[in-house]
Protein backbone atom coordinates (compact mmCIF):
# COMPACT_ATOMS: atom_id res chain seq x y z
CA UNK A 1 0.00 0.00 0.00
CA UNK A 2 3.01 2.30 -0.24
CA UNK A 3 2.87 4.96 -2.93
CA UNK A 4 5.86 7.21 -2.35
CA UNK A 5 8.32 4.41 -1.64
CA UNK A 6 8.11 3.40 -5.28
CA UNK A 7 10.33 6.36 -6.02
CA UNK A 8 13.15 4.26 -4.58
CA UNK A 9 12.97 2.17 -7.75
CA UNK A 10 14.49 5.14 -9.55
CA UNK A 11 17.41 5.21 -7.14
CA UNK A 12 17.94 1.48 -7.39
CA UNK A 13 18.01 1.77 -11.16
CA UNK A 14 20.95 4.11 -10.84
CA UNK A 15 22.99 2.22 -8.24
CA UNK A 16 24.95 -0.35 -10.15
CA UNK A 17 23.68 -0.92 -13.64
CA UNK A 18 21.66 -4.07 -13.69
CA UNK A 19 20.51 -3.92 -10.09
CA UNK A 20 16.95 -4.44 -11.23
CA UNK A 21 17.75 -6.99 -13.89
CA UNK A 22 17.82 -10.67 -13.21
CA UNK A 23 20.35 -12.86 -14.88
CA UNK A 24 20.18 -16.56 -14.45
CA UNK A 25 23.34 -18.57 -14.44
CA UNK A 26 21.45 -21.72 -15.21
CA UNK A 27 24.09 -23.82 -16.77
CA UNK A 28 24.13 -23.16 -20.48
CA UNK A 29 25.59 -25.58 -22.99
CA UNK A 30 29.05 -24.92 -24.31
CA UNK A 31 29.46 -22.76 -27.41
CA UNK A 32 28.44 -24.56 -30.54
CA UNK A 33 26.09 -26.93 -28.71
CA UNK A 34 22.52 -26.83 -30.01
CA UNK A 35 20.13 -24.76 -27.94
CA UNK A 36 16.34 -25.22 -27.90
CA UNK A 37 14.44 -23.19 -30.48
CA UNK A 38 11.70 -20.93 -29.09
CA UNK A 39 8.32 -20.73 -30.79
CA UNK A 40 8.39 -17.58 -32.97
CA UNK A 41 5.65 -15.02 -32.47
CA UNK A 42 4.49 -11.96 -30.55
CA UNK A 43 3.60 -11.59 -26.89
CA UNK A 44 2.37 -8.67 -24.79
CA UNK A 45 3.67 -8.17 -21.25
CA UNK A 46 2.14 -6.06 -18.49
CA UNK A 47 4.49 -4.45 -15.97
CA UNK A 48 3.27 -4.17 -12.37
CA UNK A 49 4.78 -2.21 -9.48
CA UNK A 50 3.25 -3.10 -6.11
CA UNK A 51 0.48 -4.94 -7.95
CA UNK A 52 -0.47 -1.81 -9.93
CA UNK A 53 -0.07 -1.99 -13.74
CA UNK A 54 2.30 0.75 -14.92
CA UNK A 55 2.81 -0.16 -18.59
CA UNK A 56 3.07 -2.72 -21.36
CA UNK A 57 5.75 -4.06 -23.71
CA UNK A 58 4.94 -5.85 -26.98
CA UNK A 59 7.68 -8.37 -27.78
CA UNK A 60 8.39 -10.36 -30.93
CA UNK A 61 10.74 -13.33 -31.42
CA UNK A 62 11.62 -14.23 -35.03
CA UNK A 63 14.05 -16.52 -36.81
CA UNK A 64 16.52 -14.82 -39.15
CA UNK A 65 18.97 -16.12 -41.75
CA UNK A 66 21.76 -15.80 -39.21
CA UNK A 67 19.95 -16.82 -36.05
CA UNK A 68 17.33 -15.07 -33.91
CA UNK A 69 15.93 -11.56 -33.37
CA UNK A 70 14.06 -10.12 -30.42
CA UNK A 71 12.33 -6.76 -30.82
CA UNK A 72 9.86 -4.76 -28.78
CA UNK A 73 8.00 -1.49 -28.35
CA UNK A 74 6.33 -0.27 -25.17
CA UNK A 75 5.45 2.40 -22.69
CA UNK A 76 6.19 2.22 -18.94
CA UNK A 77 4.88 4.95 -16.65
CA UNK A 78 6.19 6.07 -13.25
CA UNK A 79 8.23 5.04 -11.41
CA UNK A 80 10.10 3.67 -14.47
CA UNK A 81 9.20 6.40 -17.02
CA UNK A 82 10.38 4.65 -20.19
CA UNK A 83 9.05 4.97 -23.73
CA UNK A 84 10.45 2.19 -25.93
CA UNK A 85 10.22 3.48 -29.48
CA UNK A 86 12.27 0.55 -30.74
CA UNK A 87 14.29 -2.25 -29.16
CA UNK A 88 16.12 -4.92 -31.16
CA UNK A 89 18.73 -7.54 -30.25
CA UNK A 90 20.16 -10.10 -32.70
CA UNK A 91 21.71 -13.44 -31.75
CA UNK A 92 23.37 -16.09 -33.89
CA UNK A 93 22.20 -19.72 -34.09
CA UNK A 94 24.01 -20.52 -30.81
CA UNK A 95 22.48 -17.50 -29.09
CA UNK A 96 25.66 -15.46 -29.04
CA UNK A 97 24.85 -11.72 -29.27
CA UNK A 98 25.51 -9.95 -32.59
CA UNK A 99 23.99 -6.49 -32.29
CA UNK A 100 21.79 -4.28 -30.11
CA UNK A 101 19.76 -1.18 -31.03
CA UNK A 102 17.72 0.86 -28.55
CA UNK A 103 15.72 3.99 -29.36
CA UNK A 104 13.82 5.28 -26.34
CA UNK A 105 13.15 8.11 -23.90
CA UNK A 106 13.74 7.93 -20.16
CA UNK A 107 12.36 10.58 -17.83
CA UNK A 108 11.52 12.72 -20.91
CA UNK A 109 15.10 12.56 -22.23
CA UNK A 110 16.34 10.64 -25.27
CA UNK A 111 18.18 7.40 -24.54
CA UNK A 112 19.71 5.37 -27.38
CA UNK A 113 22.25 2.56 -27.51
CA UNK A 114 23.85 0.86 -30.50
CA UNK A 115 26.13 -2.06 -29.69
CA UNK A 116 28.02 -4.62 -31.77
CA UNK A 117 29.52 -7.83 -30.43
CA UNK A 118 32.56 -9.55 -31.94
CA UNK A 119 35.52 -11.55 -30.64
CA UNK A 120 34.43 -11.18 -27.02
CA UNK A 121 34.15 -7.39 -27.20
CA UNK A 122 31.04 -5.20 -26.91
CA UNK A 123 31.41 -1.84 -28.68
CA UNK A 124 28.78 0.70 -27.60
CA UNK A 125 27.58 4.04 -28.87
CA UNK A 126 25.37 5.73 -26.28
CA UNK A 127 23.23 8.87 -26.44
CA UNK A 128 21.68 10.40 -23.33
CA UNK A 129 19.98 13.65 -24.23
CA UNK A 130 22.68 15.76 -25.86
CA UNK A 131 25.49 13.61 -24.46
CA UNK A 132 27.29 11.19 -26.82
CA UNK A 133 29.49 8.39 -25.46
CA UNK A 134 31.48 5.51 -26.91
CA UNK A 135 32.77 2.54 -24.95
CA UNK A 136 34.27 -0.91 -25.48
CA UNK A 137 34.18 -3.78 -23.01
CA UNK A 138 35.35 -7.36 -22.96
CA UNK A 139 32.47 -9.75 -22.33
CA UNK A 140 31.81 -13.47 -22.42
CA UNK A 141 31.04 -14.34 -26.07
CA UNK A 142 27.71 -16.02 -25.26
CA UNK A 143 26.53 -13.55 -22.60
CA UNK A 144 22.81 -12.82 -22.51
CA UNK A 145 22.22 -9.10 -23.13
CA UNK A 146 19.79 -7.56 -20.62
CA UNK A 147 19.62 -3.75 -20.66
CA UNK A 148 17.84 -2.14 -17.72
CA UNK A 149 14.03 -2.24 -17.97
CA UNK A 150 13.86 -3.70 -21.51
CA UNK A 151 12.08 -6.86 -20.45
CA UNK A 152 11.70 -8.27 -23.96
CA UNK A 153 15.41 -9.08 -23.72
CA UNK A 154 14.54 -11.79 -21.22
CA UNK A 155 13.22 -13.92 -24.07
CA UNK A 156 16.86 -14.87 -24.75
CA UNK A 157 17.26 -15.77 -21.10
CA UNK A 158 14.22 -18.04 -21.30
CA UNK A 159 15.92 -19.98 -24.11
CA UNK A 160 19.18 -20.30 -22.20
CA UNK A 161 17.38 -21.53 -19.10
CA UNK A 162 15.58 -24.18 -21.11
CA UNK A 163 18.99 -25.70 -21.90
CA UNK A 164 20.45 -25.31 -18.42
CA UNK A 165 22.71 -27.86 -16.77
CA UNK A 166 23.21 -27.90 -13.03
CA UNK A 167 26.39 -26.30 -11.82
CA UNK A 168 26.90 -24.02 -14.82
CA UNK A 169 26.38 -20.27 -15.00
CA UNK A 170 25.09 -17.76 -17.52
CA UNK A 171 27.03 -14.58 -18.08
CA UNK A 172 24.84 -11.50 -18.44
CA UNK A 173 25.84 -8.27 -20.08
CA UNK A 174 23.87 -5.34 -18.64
CA UNK A 175 24.31 -3.21 -21.72
CA UNK A 176 26.05 -0.89 -21.98
CA UNK A 177 27.59 -0.96 -18.51
CA UNK A 178 29.03 -4.23 -17.23
CA UNK A 179 28.96 -8.02 -17.16
CA UNK A 180 27.57 -9.85 -14.17
CA UNK A 181 26.90 -13.46 -13.16
CA UNK A 182 24.05 -15.00 -11.23
CA UNK A 183 23.29 -18.31 -9.57
CA UNK A 184 20.22 -20.51 -10.01
CA UNK A 185 19.08 -21.70 -6.60
CA UNK A 186 16.29 -23.99 -7.71
CA UNK A 187 13.70 -24.79 -10.33
CA UNK A 188 10.14 -26.01 -9.96
CA UNK A 189 7.14 -26.60 -12.20
CA UNK A 190 3.91 -24.62 -11.95
CA UNK A 191 0.62 -25.60 -13.62
CA UNK A 192 -1.39 -22.63 -14.90
CA UNK A 193 -5.08 -22.71 -15.82
CA UNK A 194 -6.26 -20.17 -18.41
CA UNK A 195 -9.80 -19.78 -19.71
CA UNK A 196 -9.03 -22.16 -22.58
CA UNK A 197 -6.06 -24.38 -21.81
CA UNK A 198 -3.77 -25.71 -19.10
CA UNK A 199 -0.18 -24.45 -19.30
CA UNK A 200 2.92 -25.58 -17.47
CA UNK A 201 5.76 -23.28 -16.51
CA UNK A 202 9.23 -23.90 -15.19
CA UNK A 203 10.13 -21.33 -12.55
CA UNK A 204 13.84 -20.63 -12.09
CA UNK A 205 14.61 -19.16 -8.68
CA UNK A 206 17.77 -17.13 -8.87
CA UNK A 207 20.09 -14.76 -7.08
CA UNK A 208 21.66 -11.93 -9.03
CA UNK A 209 25.09 -11.16 -7.60
CA UNK A 210 27.04 -7.99 -8.27
CA UNK A 211 29.49 -5.73 -6.48
CA UNK A 212 27.43 -4.32 -3.62
CA UNK A 213 24.14 -6.17 -3.63
CA UNK A 214 22.32 -9.43 -4.23
CA UNK A 215 18.81 -9.56 -5.60
CA UNK A 216 16.49 -12.55 -5.82
CA UNK A 217 14.11 -13.10 -8.70
CA UNK A 218 12.07 -15.70 -10.53
CA UNK A 219 11.98 -16.28 -14.29
CA UNK A 220 9.01 -18.26 -15.63
CA UNK A 221 9.42 -20.15 -18.92
CA UNK A 222 6.69 -22.01 -20.85
CA UNK A 223 6.87 -25.31 -22.75
CA UNK A 224 7.79 -23.44 -25.96
CA UNK A 225 10.89 -21.86 -24.34
CA UNK A 226 9.15 -18.48 -24.27
CA UNK A 227 9.12 -16.03 -21.41
CA UNK A 228 6.03 -15.99 -19.16
CA UNK A 229 7.02 -13.85 -16.21
CA UNK A 230 9.85 -11.96 -14.50
CA UNK A 231 9.29 -11.40 -10.78
CA UNK A 232 11.40 -9.43 -8.26
CA UNK A 233 9.86 -9.98 -4.79
CA UNK A 234 12.03 -7.43 -2.97
CA UNK A 235 11.12 -4.65 -5.40
CA UNK A 236 7.51 -5.79 -5.80
CA UNK A 237 8.15 -5.53 -9.54
CA UNK A 238 6.40 -8.03 -11.78
CA UNK A 239 6.37 -8.48 -15.56
CA UNK A 240 3.71 -10.95 -16.72
CA UNK A 241 2.71 -12.15 -20.18
CA UNK A 242 -0.82 -11.16 -21.07
CA UNK A 243 -2.27 -14.67 -20.87
CA UNK A 244 -0.81 -14.99 -17.36
CA UNK A 245 -2.11 -11.57 -16.27
CA UNK A 246 -5.71 -12.07 -17.43
CA UNK A 247 -8.38 -12.34 -14.75
CA UNK A 248 -9.44 -15.69 -16.23
CA UNK A 249 -6.05 -17.19 -15.42
CA UNK A 250 -5.02 -18.82 -12.17
CA UNK A 251 -2.06 -20.78 -10.93
CA UNK A 252 -2.83 -24.32 -9.89
CA UNK A 253 -1.02 -26.70 -7.60
CA UNK A 254 -2.35 -29.98 -8.84
CA UNK A 255 -5.84 -31.11 -7.90
CA UNK A 256 -6.10 -33.34 -4.87
CA UNK A 257 -8.57 -36.19 -4.61
CA UNK A 258 -11.00 -34.12 -2.56
CA UNK A 259 -10.78 -30.83 -4.45
CA UNK A 260 -13.57 -29.43 -6.62
CA UNK A 261 -14.15 -26.02 -8.21
CA UNK A 262 -17.32 -24.08 -7.42
CA UNK A 263 -18.76 -20.63 -8.10
CA UNK A 264 -20.26 -18.55 -5.30
CA UNK A 265 -22.87 -15.96 -6.33
CA UNK A 266 -22.57 -12.48 -4.89
CA UNK A 267 -23.94 -9.07 -5.87
CA UNK A 268 -23.86 -8.86 -9.66
CA UNK A 269 -21.10 -11.43 -10.22
CA UNK A 270 -19.70 -14.68 -8.86
CA UNK A 271 -16.53 -15.69 -7.08
CA UNK A 272 -14.49 -18.66 -8.31
CA UNK A 273 -13.44 -20.98 -5.52
CA UNK A 274 -12.00 -24.39 -4.70
CA UNK A 275 -13.44 -26.67 -2.02
CA UNK A 276 -11.16 -29.32 -0.54
CA UNK A 277 -13.04 -32.10 1.24
CA UNK A 278 -11.39 -34.69 3.53
CA UNK A 279 -10.91 -38.02 1.79
CA UNK A 280 -9.40 -40.16 4.55
CA UNK A 281 -12.02 -39.36 7.19
CA UNK A 282 -15.63 -40.41 7.68
CA UNK A 283 -17.98 -37.45 7.34
CA UNK A 284 -19.47 -36.51 10.73
CA UNK A 285 -23.26 -36.87 11.06
CA UNK A 286 -23.74 -33.10 11.19
CA UNK A 287 -21.30 -32.44 8.34
CA UNK A 288 -17.70 -31.33 8.10
CA UNK A 289 -16.32 -28.47 10.14
CA UNK A 290 -15.46 -25.79 7.55
CA UNK A 291 -12.58 -23.36 7.16
CA UNK A 292 -12.87 -20.28 4.95
CA UNK A 293 -9.48 -18.85 3.91
CA UNK A 294 -9.34 -15.06 3.36
CA UNK A 295 -6.32 -13.79 1.35
CA UNK A 296 -4.32 -10.63 1.85
CA UNK A 297 -4.03 -7.65 -0.47
CA UNK A 298 -2.29 -7.44 -3.83
CA UNK A 299 -2.21 -9.71 -6.87
CA UNK A 300 -2.99 -13.00 -5.16
CA UNK A 301 -5.53 -15.59 -6.23
CA UNK A 302 -7.22 -18.38 -4.26
CA UNK A 303 -3.90 -20.18 -3.67
CA UNK A 304 -2.35 -16.96 -2.30
CA UNK A 305 0.88 -17.45 -4.20
CA UNK A 306 3.34 -15.16 -2.45
CA UNK A 307 6.84 -15.11 -3.96
CA UNK A 308 6.26 -18.59 -5.32
CA UNK A 309 4.72 -20.18 -2.23
CA UNK A 310 1.03 -21.21 -2.62
CA UNK A 311 0.21 -20.55 1.02
CA UNK A 312 -3.52 -21.26 0.89
CA UNK A 313 -3.23 -24.27 -1.40
CA UNK A 314 -0.90 -25.86 1.14
CA UNK A 315 -3.12 -24.91 4.07
CA UNK A 316 -6.18 -26.33 2.30
CA UNK A 317 -4.47 -29.65 1.66
CA UNK A 318 -3.11 -29.93 5.21
CA UNK A 319 -6.34 -28.93 6.96
CA UNK A 320 -8.43 -31.30 4.84
CA UNK A 321 -6.10 -34.10 5.95
CA UNK A 322 -6.91 -33.02 9.52
CA UNK A 323 -10.65 -33.49 8.87
CA UNK A 324 -11.78 -30.01 7.77
CA UNK A 325 -13.59 -28.95 4.61
CA UNK A 326 -11.65 -25.93 3.29
CA UNK A 327 -12.78 -23.24 0.85
CA UNK A 328 -10.41 -20.75 -0.78
CA UNK A 329 -11.47 -18.25 -3.43
CA UNK A 330 -10.20 -15.79 -6.02
CA UNK A 331 -10.81 -12.23 -4.87
CA UNK A 332 -13.11 -10.11 -7.01
CA UNK A 333 -11.35 -9.09 -10.21
CA UNK A 334 -8.64 -11.72 -9.67
CA UNK A 335 -8.10 -15.19 -11.10
CA UNK A 336 -11.42 -16.49 -12.43
CA UNK A 337 -13.71 -14.35 -10.26
CA UNK A 338 -15.91 -11.59 -11.61
CA UNK A 339 -16.24 -8.09 -10.24
CA UNK A 340 -13.95 -5.08 -10.48
CA UNK A 341 -11.19 -4.46 -7.98
CA UNK A 342 -10.62 -0.79 -8.91
CA UNK A 343 -14.02 0.29 -7.55
CA UNK A 344 -13.94 -1.90 -4.44
CA UNK A 345 -13.42 -0.74 -0.87
CA UNK A 346 -12.40 -2.82 2.11
CA UNK A 347 -16.10 -3.23 2.94
CA UNK A 348 -16.68 -4.68 -0.55
CA UNK A 349 -14.27 -7.49 0.24
CA UNK A 350 -16.06 -8.04 3.55
CA UNK A 351 -19.30 -8.50 1.59
CA UNK A 352 -17.56 -11.17 -0.47
CA UNK A 353 -16.40 -13.05 2.63
CA UNK A 354 -19.93 -13.06 4.00
CA UNK A 355 -21.31 -14.31 0.68
CA UNK A 356 -18.87 -17.23 0.78
CA UNK A 357 -19.69 -17.93 4.44
CA UNK A 358 -23.41 -18.13 3.60
CA UNK A 359 -22.61 -20.47 0.72
CA UNK A 360 -20.81 -22.82 3.12
CA UNK A 361 -23.72 -22.74 5.55
CA UNK A 362 -26.07 -23.85 2.77
CA UNK A 363 -24.00 -26.92 1.88
CA UNK A 364 -25.41 -30.22 3.08
CA UNK A 365 -21.94 -31.54 3.92
CA UNK A 366 -20.99 -28.63 6.22
CA UNK A 367 -21.72 -28.32 9.95
CA UNK A 368 -23.03 -24.75 10.09
CA UNK A 369 -22.17 -24.55 13.80
CA UNK A 370 -18.46 -25.13 13.12
CA UNK A 371 -17.42 -22.40 10.65
CA UNK A 372 -13.90 -20.99 11.10
CA UNK A 373 -12.51 -18.04 9.14
CA UNK A 374 -8.72 -17.96 8.77
CA UNK A 375 -7.00 -14.95 7.20
CA UNK A 376 -3.46 -13.98 6.29
CA UNK A 377 -1.76 -10.59 6.43
CA UNK A 378 -3.98 -7.58 5.75
CA UNK A 379 -6.74 -10.06 4.89
CA UNK A 380 -7.12 -10.34 8.66
CA UNK A 381 -8.76 -6.90 8.67
CA UNK A 382 -11.38 -8.16 6.23
CA UNK A 383 -11.93 -11.24 8.38
CA UNK A 384 -12.25 -9.17 11.57
CA UNK A 385 -14.83 -6.91 9.97
CA UNK A 386 -16.76 -9.92 8.65
CA UNK A 387 -16.74 -11.54 12.10
CA UNK A 388 -18.04 -8.33 13.64
CA UNK A 389 -20.95 -8.33 11.18
CA UNK A 390 -21.77 -12.06 11.19
CA UNK A 391 -22.32 -14.02 14.40
CA UNK A 392 -22.56 -17.30 12.46
CA UNK A 393 -18.78 -17.20 12.08
CA UNK A 394 -17.78 -19.41 15.02
CA UNK A 395 -14.03 -18.80 15.31
CA UNK A 396 -11.34 -16.60 13.82
CA UNK A 397 -7.67 -17.38 13.08
CA UNK A 398 -5.43 -14.42 12.22
CA UNK A 399 -2.10 -15.28 10.58
CA UNK A 400 0.58 -12.54 10.45
CA UNK A 401 -2.07 -9.88 11.07
CA UNK A 402 -1.33 -6.14 11.33
CA UNK A 403 -2.62 -4.33 14.41
CA UNK A 404 -2.14 -0.62 13.64
CA UNK A 405 -4.44 1.74 11.75
CA UNK A 406 -3.97 1.70 7.98
CA UNK A 407 -2.22 5.07 7.69
CA UNK A 408 0.21 4.10 10.45
CA UNK A 409 0.87 0.72 8.82
CA UNK A 410 1.69 2.32 5.46
CA UNK A 411 4.30 4.57 7.04
CA UNK A 412 5.78 1.70 9.06
CA UNK A 413 6.14 -0.50 5.97
CA UNK A 414 7.68 2.41 4.07
CA UNK A 415 10.28 2.83 6.81
CA UNK A 416 11.10 -0.89 6.77
CA UNK A 417 11.51 -0.92 3.00
CA UNK A 418 13.68 2.20 2.92
CA UNK A 419 15.91 0.63 5.56
CA UNK A 420 16.07 -2.57 3.55
CA UNK A 421 17.16 -0.65 0.44
CA UNK A 422 19.68 1.34 2.51
CA UNK A 423 18.19 4.55 1.16
CA UNK A 424 20.23 7.67 2.08
CA UNK A 425 18.80 9.63 4.99
CA UNK A 426 17.95 12.76 3.01
CA UNK A 427 16.05 10.72 0.42
CA UNK A 428 14.24 8.82 3.18
CA UNK A 429 13.00 12.09 4.62
CA UNK A 430 11.77 13.27 1.23
CA UNK A 431 9.94 10.01 0.52
CA UNK A 432 8.34 9.88 3.97
CA UNK A 433 7.18 13.48 3.59
CA UNK A 434 5.67 12.67 0.20
CA UNK A 435 3.90 9.60 1.61
CA UNK A 436 2.51 11.70 4.45
CA UNK A 437 1.18 14.30 1.98
CA UNK A 438 -0.50 11.53 -0.02
CA UNK A 439 -2.14 10.07 3.09
CA UNK A 440 -3.37 13.48 4.21
CA UNK A 441 -4.81 14.24 0.76
CA UNK A 442 -6.59 10.88 0.51
CA UNK A 443 -8.16 11.44 3.94
CA UNK A 444 -9.21 15.02 3.05
CA UNK A 445 -6.77 16.38 5.61
CA UNK A 446 -4.44 17.95 3.07
CA UNK A 447 -4.09 19.02 -0.56
CA UNK A 448 -2.85 17.16 -3.63
CA UNK A 449 -0.43 19.97 -4.39
CA UNK A 450 3.13 18.71 -5.04
CA UNK A 451 1.90 15.11 -5.45
CA UNK A 452 2.68 13.70 -8.94
CA UNK A 453 -0.46 13.04 -10.98
CA UNK A 454 0.47 9.39 -11.50
CA UNK A 455 0.62 8.84 -7.73
CA UNK A 456 -2.65 10.65 -7.19
CA UNK A 457 -4.38 8.43 -9.75
CA UNK A 458 -3.24 5.33 -7.88
CA UNK A 459 -3.90 6.65 -4.37
CA UNK A 460 -7.19 8.52 -4.82
CA UNK A 461 -9.33 5.37 -4.85
CA UNK A 462 -12.07 3.89 -2.64
CA UNK A 463 -9.80 0.97 -1.70
CA UNK A 464 -6.84 3.07 -0.59
CA UNK A 465 -9.00 5.45 1.42
CA UNK A 466 -10.79 2.58 3.17
CA UNK A 467 -7.43 0.94 3.90
CA UNK A 468 -5.96 4.11 5.42
CA UNK A 469 -9.09 4.72 7.51
CA UNK A 470 -9.32 1.21 8.91
CA UNK A 471 -8.51 0.86 12.60
CA UNK A 472 -8.59 -2.74 13.90
CA UNK A 473 -9.06 -1.50 17.47
CA UNK A 474 -12.54 -0.18 16.61
CA UNK A 475 -13.56 -3.48 14.99
CA UNK A 476 -12.09 -5.87 17.57
CA UNK A 477 -14.45 -4.50 20.24
CA UNK A 478 -17.43 -5.73 18.23
CA UNK A 479 -16.22 -9.32 17.76
CA UNK A 480 -17.29 -12.08 20.12
CA UNK A 481 -15.62 -15.13 18.49
CA UNK A 482 -12.69 -17.11 19.91
CA UNK A 483 -9.52 -15.86 18.20
CA UNK A 484 -6.17 -17.45 17.45
CA UNK A 485 -3.19 -15.24 16.59
CA UNK A 486 -0.28 -16.92 14.80
CA UNK A 487 2.73 -14.73 14.07
CA UNK A 488 6.26 -15.56 13.03
CA UNK A 489 9.05 -13.97 15.01
CA UNK A 490 11.05 -13.52 11.77
CA UNK A 491 8.26 -11.59 10.03
CA UNK A 492 9.80 -8.35 8.79
CA UNK A 493 6.86 -7.31 6.65
CA UNK A 494 4.46 -7.19 9.59
CA UNK A 495 6.77 -7.43 12.61
CA UNK A 496 5.98 -9.55 15.66
CA UNK A 497 5.11 -6.44 17.71
CA UNK A 498 1.79 -6.39 15.85
CA UNK A 499 0.84 -9.70 17.48
CA UNK A 500 1.41 -8.18 20.91
CA UNK A 501 -0.66 -5.10 20.14
CA UNK A 502 -3.49 -7.12 18.62
CA UNK A 503 -3.50 -9.45 21.62
CA UNK A 504 -3.95 -6.48 23.97
CA UNK A 505 -7.00 -5.36 22.00
CA UNK A 506 -8.55 -8.82 22.01
CA UNK A 507 -7.86 -9.43 25.70
CA UNK A 508 -9.86 -6.30 26.52
CA UNK A 509 -13.06 -7.97 25.31
CA UNK A 510 -15.28 -9.00 28.20
CA UNK A 511 -17.48 -11.70 26.66
CA UNK A 512 -17.18 -15.19 28.09
CA UNK A 513 -16.88 -16.84 24.68
CA UNK A 514 -14.29 -14.34 23.46
CA UNK A 515 -11.25 -16.44 24.22
CA UNK A 516 -7.80 -15.70 22.87
CA UNK A 517 -4.75 -17.81 22.11
CA UNK A 518 -1.47 -16.40 20.78
CA UNK A 519 1.25 -18.46 19.08
CA UNK A 520 4.50 -16.50 18.57
CA UNK A 521 6.54 -18.91 16.47
CA UNK A 522 10.35 -18.72 16.30
CA UNK A 523 11.98 -19.20 12.92
CA UNK A 524 8.81 -18.37 10.94
CA UNK A 525 8.59 -15.51 8.41
CA UNK A 526 5.66 -13.63 6.89
CA UNK A 527 4.90 -16.40 4.43
CA UNK A 528 4.62 -18.89 7.31
CA UNK A 529 7.83 -20.62 6.22
CA UNK A 530 10.61 -21.96 8.37
CA UNK A 531 13.39 -19.51 7.56
CA UNK A 532 16.75 -18.48 8.90
CA UNK A 533 16.05 -14.93 7.72
CA UNK A 534 12.81 -12.99 7.56
CA UNK A 535 13.87 -10.28 5.13
CA UNK A 536 11.56 -9.65 2.19
CA UNK A 537 14.53 -9.53 -0.19
CA UNK A 538 15.46 -13.08 0.76
CA UNK A 539 12.07 -14.58 -0.14
CA UNK A 540 13.26 -15.95 -3.45
CA UNK A 541 16.41 -17.40 -1.87
CA UNK A 542 14.65 -19.82 0.47
CA UNK A 543 15.11 -23.45 -0.48
CA UNK A 544 12.39 -24.87 1.79
CA UNK A 545 9.30 -23.28 0.29
CA UNK A 546 6.53 -25.07 2.16
CA UNK A 547 4.30 -23.69 4.88
CA UNK A 548 5.76 -24.72 8.21
CA UNK A 549 4.33 -27.83 9.84
CA UNK A 550 4.48 -25.90 13.12
CA UNK A 551 1.99 -23.38 11.75
CA UNK A 552 -0.35 -26.09 10.45
CA UNK A 553 -0.24 -28.05 13.72
CA UNK A 554 -0.90 -24.94 15.81
CA UNK A 555 -3.88 -24.01 13.66
CA UNK A 556 -5.41 -27.51 13.51
CA UNK A 557 -4.95 -28.17 17.24
CA UNK A 558 -6.61 -24.87 18.14
CA UNK A 559 -9.56 -25.55 15.83
CA UNK A 560 -10.05 -29.04 17.29
CA UNK A 561 -10.23 -27.57 20.79
CA UNK A 562 -12.25 -24.49 19.90
CA UNK A 563 -15.00 -25.92 17.65
CA UNK A 564 -15.32 -29.56 18.78
CA UNK A 565 -17.97 -31.78 17.25
CA UNK A 566 -21.26 -31.93 19.12
CA UNK A 567 -22.09 -35.28 20.66
């Protein structure tokens, strides 16, 4: 929910060239060895910053007499500010670079690069505004060429990754500045369901290493050796092919024996959902106890894929094994659900939760007296509000929940991110001041003067206002359900202090049934993983990418004790 902090992307772009570009050293074959041939054709990519679309790039891959050509045009708004009039990179049959041509504007100034590659040397002619430069640099002959922010160039990387061999590296030339190397830390497959077909992607988890920094990223490649997605968790920067970004598309994790897809009607549209029913248990006479999973904010679907971890898909599978029927759903405007996210407020998402809860109560195989709502991250606010409105919700589990008012939370997360990026103090002060002006303007406590128009367009929305105005303390007083708080001590996105503050609010309730249990779990991060480090920028570096068994056990044990079957 930060707006002003996105300005730090500009600074990162100017640190060491290539800081925002991922290069995958996924072992490439030796020179002269055949590489896989990508499927020629065009693709359109949408660029997202903090889940907000900021531009598009249209990319073509064609076969030439001498090898392969990648070209693109596009327009990226703030905070990138790049107009790609023309981008073209030629490779030979073995995917060694031959020539590069860039014609673009950055921050309203001309930016052009012409480079030729021969005998291990890159010769560059560069134009920035009125400035003309020439440079020559020795590079690895088969380096992948990835200029800053020209994401079409990653098509060549997708081909190289398709031919990877463990233990090898890919050299990357961040034209026209320097050569770098990166390390592939793992690869996994990911099924993807579109409106028409089922796709399968290989996701290469990597770490980009250069002089002063390391940056994790994921590169998604389809069966035709074409690029699907480039994702930088630490920067909250995402580049997704159009078929992956469509609302009719969702990631899948493989259907279990007890999983079925359903649609839940709500006001004017329907929500797409998956119901996971226990298969190794006998159904109780009154029906299954049910768990409704409520996702957090941002571009997450029913599986709540967060930096490659399908948190809710794993919770659904584990809780169904424990004897619970579990429903998870695509938020309105996401995945395969209808509705429009841009006009929604926080209360709109509460309405959706209540619609799903009523759907569960109407099912013949659900015990309507044993309905638990479990929410993750900022989704906990939606769950709290729903519980305050609906007494038929019998228990509430809050996972990594924030406890401060929305405006306070935004500023806290901005501070954490600026510290993470090691932003200079003077720039921190400027960005914090800008964020404070934005918050004041959204809440009608200030003016929009000196706020860039692009930021106003993204901040002056029903959702952002409702988020800033939300105060969990006011809602907690109106809940009567038993509550479980689970919070990882290594959570650096919503620090553990939030669990303490939320517990104080909940303990102040005076109703007999309003019990509280708090699980502060060591070694657990925001994604509910066992981790030796909780930093956001290390998300893509974690090798164990499964929700912690400690979290699942704590949740299931509490539910068993809190909503026991009636005898």
